[in-house]
Amino acid sequence: MIRNPRTKRILSISLFIIGCVFILLAPEDAWLGVVLLSIGLGVEIGALIFRHRK
């Protein structure tokens, strides 16, 4: 695990931004939209867990 708080913060913020981009790029009517939305949500949840883990 990464112990440096600054590196952990930068990584979690970048994962959060990538998750937001996936969610915003997801089209509404296609299966690709569902896939991108689920990937985006998974990345954001992972970023939140990674940031709050001690």
N, C-alpha and C. Protein backbone atom coordinates (compact mmCIF):
# COMPACT_ATOMS: atom_id res chain seq x y z
N MET A 1 0.83 -1.19 0.00
CA MET A 1 0.00 0.00 0.00
C MET A 1 0.87 1.25 0.00
N ILE A 2 0.34 2.31 -0.53
CA ILE A 2 1.06 3.58 -0.57
C ILE A 2 0.90 4.27 0.78
N ARG A 3 2.01 4.64 1.38
CA ARG A 3 1.96 5.26 2.72
C ARG A 3 2.09 6.79 2.66
N ASN A 4 2.59 7.32 1.57
CA ASN A 4 2.76 8.76 1.44
C ASN A 4 1.39 9.41 1.21
N PRO A 5 0.95 10.30 2.13
CA PRO A 5 -0.38 10.89 1.99
C PRO A 5 -0.53 11.76 0.74
N ARG A 6 0.54 12.42 0.33
CA ARG A 6 0.44 13.28 -0.85
C ARG A 6 0.24 12.44 -2.11
N THR A 7 0.97 11.35 -2.25
CA THR A 7 0.81 10.46 -3.39
C THR A 7 -0.57 9.83 -3.39
N LYS A 8 -1.04 9.43 -2.21
CA LYS A 8 -2.36 8.84 -2.09
C LYS A 8 -3.45 9.83 -2.49
N ARG A 9 -3.30 11.07 -2.10
CA ARG A 9 -4.28 12.11 -2.42
C ARG A 9 -4.30 12.37 -3.92
N ILE A 10 -3.13 12.48 -4.54
CA ILE A 10 -3.05 12.73 -5.98
C ILE A 10 -3.66 11.57 -6.76
N LEU A 11 -3.38 10.35 -6.34
CA LEU A 11 -3.92 9.18 -7.02
C LEU A 11 -5.44 9.11 -6.87
N SER A 12 -5.96 9.39 -5.70
CA SER A 12 -7.41 9.32 -5.51
C SER A 12 -8.13 10.42 -6.28
N ILE A 13 -7.55 11.61 -6.33
CA ILE A 13 -8.17 12.69 -7.10
C ILE A 13 -8.16 12.37 -8.59
N SER A 14 -7.05 11.82 -9.10
CA SER A 14 -7.01 11.47 -10.51
C SER A 14 -7.98 10.34 -10.84
N LEU A 15 -8.13 9.35 -9.96
CA LEU A 15 -9.12 8.30 -10.18
C LEU A 15 -10.54 8.86 -10.15
N PHE A 16 -10.80 9.80 -9.28
CA PHE A 16 -12.11 10.43 -9.21
C PHE A 16 -12.42 11.18 -10.50
N ILE A 17 -11.44 11.90 -11.04
CA ILE A 17 -11.63 12.65 -12.29
C ILE A 17 -11.85 11.70 -13.46
N ILE A 18 -11.10 10.60 -13.51
CA ILE A 18 -11.29 9.61 -14.57
C ILE A 18 -12.69 9.00 -14.49
N GLY A 19 -13.16 8.72 -13.29
CA GLY A 19 -14.51 8.20 -13.11
C GLY A 19 -15.57 9.18 -13.59
N CYS A 20 -15.38 10.46 -13.29
CA CYS A 20 -16.32 11.49 -13.76
C CYS A 20 -16.34 11.58 -15.28
N VAL A 21 -15.17 11.48 -15.90
CA VAL A 21 -15.09 11.53 -17.36
C VAL A 21 -15.83 10.34 -17.97
N PHE A 22 -15.65 9.14 -17.41
CA PHE A 22 -16.37 7.96 -17.92
C PHE A 22 -17.88 8.15 -17.79
N ILE A 23 -18.32 8.70 -16.67
CA ILE A 23 -19.75 8.91 -16.47
C ILE A 23 -20.29 9.95 -17.45
N LEU A 24 -19.55 11.02 -17.68
CA LEU A 24 -20.02 12.05 -18.60
C LEU A 24 -20.00 11.60 -20.05
N LEU A 25 -19.09 10.70 -20.42
CA LEU A 25 -19.00 10.24 -21.81
C LEU A 25 -19.97 9.10 -22.13
N ALA A 26 -20.66 8.59 -21.14
CA ALA A 26 -21.54 7.45 -21.37
C ALA A 26 -22.78 7.88 -22.15
N PRO A 27 -23.02 7.29 -23.34
CA PRO A 27 -24.25 7.60 -24.07
C PRO A 27 -25.45 6.97 -23.38
N GLU A 28 -26.64 7.52 -23.64
CA GLU A 28 -27.83 7.10 -22.90
C GLU A 28 -28.48 5.83 -23.45
N ASP A 29 -28.45 5.60 -24.76
CA ASP A 29 -29.25 4.54 -25.35
C ASP A 29 -28.48 3.27 -25.70
N ALA A 30 -27.22 3.23 -25.47
CA ALA A 30 -26.43 2.08 -25.94
C ALA A 30 -25.92 1.27 -24.76
N TRP A 31 -25.58 0.01 -25.04
CA TRP A 31 -24.97 -0.83 -24.01
C TRP A 31 -23.60 -0.32 -23.63
N LEU A 32 -22.96 0.36 -24.57
CA LEU A 32 -21.66 0.96 -24.25
C LEU A 32 -21.82 2.00 -23.14
N GLY A 33 -22.93 2.69 -23.13
CA GLY A 33 -23.20 3.65 -22.06
C GLY A 33 -23.30 3.00 -20.71
N VAL A 34 -23.94 1.85 -20.65
CA VAL A 34 -24.06 1.12 -19.39
C VAL A 34 -22.69 0.65 -18.92
N VAL A 35 -21.88 0.17 -19.86
CA VAL A 35 -20.53 -0.29 -19.52
C VAL A 35 -19.68 0.87 -19.01
N LEU A 36 -19.69 2.00 -19.74
CA LEU A 36 -18.89 3.15 -19.31
C LEU A 36 -19.38 3.71 -17.98
N LEU A 37 -20.69 3.72 -17.77
CA LEU A 37 -21.23 4.21 -16.51
C LEU A 37 -20.80 3.31 -15.35
N SER A 38 -20.85 2.00 -15.55
CA SER A 38 -20.45 1.10 -14.47
C SER A 38 -18.95 1.17 -14.20
N ILE A 39 -18.15 1.32 -15.25
CA ILE A 39 -16.70 1.49 -15.05
C ILE A 39 -16.43 2.79 -14.30
N GLY A 40 -17.10 3.86 -14.69
CA GLY A 40 -16.92 5.14 -14.02
C GLY A 40 -17.31 5.10 -12.56
N LEU A 41 -18.44 4.46 -12.27
CA LEU A 41 -18.86 4.34 -10.87
C LEU A 41 -17.89 3.47 -10.08
N GLY A 42 -17.42 2.40 -10.69
CA GLY A 42 -16.45 1.53 -10.01
C GLY A 42 -15.16 2.25 -9.70
N VAL A 43 -14.68 3.05 -10.65
CA VAL A 43 -13.44 3.81 -10.43
C VAL A 43 -13.64 4.84 -9.33
N GLU A 44 -14.80 5.51 -9.33
CA GLU A 44 -15.04 6.52 -8.29
C GLU A 44 -15.16 5.88 -6.91
N ILE A 45 -15.82 4.75 -6.81
CA ILE A 45 -15.93 4.07 -5.52
C ILE A 45 -14.55 3.61 -5.06
N GLY A 46 -13.76 3.10 -5.99
CA GLY A 46 -12.39 2.70 -5.65
C GLY A 46 -11.56 3.89 -5.18
N ALA A 47 -11.74 5.04 -5.81
CA ALA A 47 -10.99 6.23 -5.39
C ALA A 47 -11.40 6.67 -3.99
N LEU A 48 -12.68 6.61 -3.70
CA LEU A 48 -13.14 7.00 -2.37
C LEU A 48 -12.64 6.04 -1.30
N ILE A 49 -12.67 4.75 -1.61
CA ILE A 49 -12.17 3.77 -0.64
C ILE A 49 -10.69 3.94 -0.43
N PHE A 50 -9.96 4.17 -1.53
CA PHE A 50 -8.51 4.33 -1.44
C PHE A 50 -8.14 5.57 -0.64
N ARG A 51 -8.93 6.63 -0.79
CA ARG A 51 -8.61 7.87 -0.07
C ARG A 51 -8.88 7.75 1.42
N HIS A 52 -9.93 7.03 1.80
CA HIS A 52 -10.30 6.96 3.21
C HIS A 52 -9.65 5.82 3.96
N ARG A 53 -8.96 4.94 3.27
CA ARG A 53 -8.30 3.83 3.95
C ARG A 53 -7.07 4.35 4.71
N LYS A 54 -6.90 3.89 5.92
CA LYS A 54 -5.79 4.38 6.74
C LYS A 54 -4.64 3.41 6.73
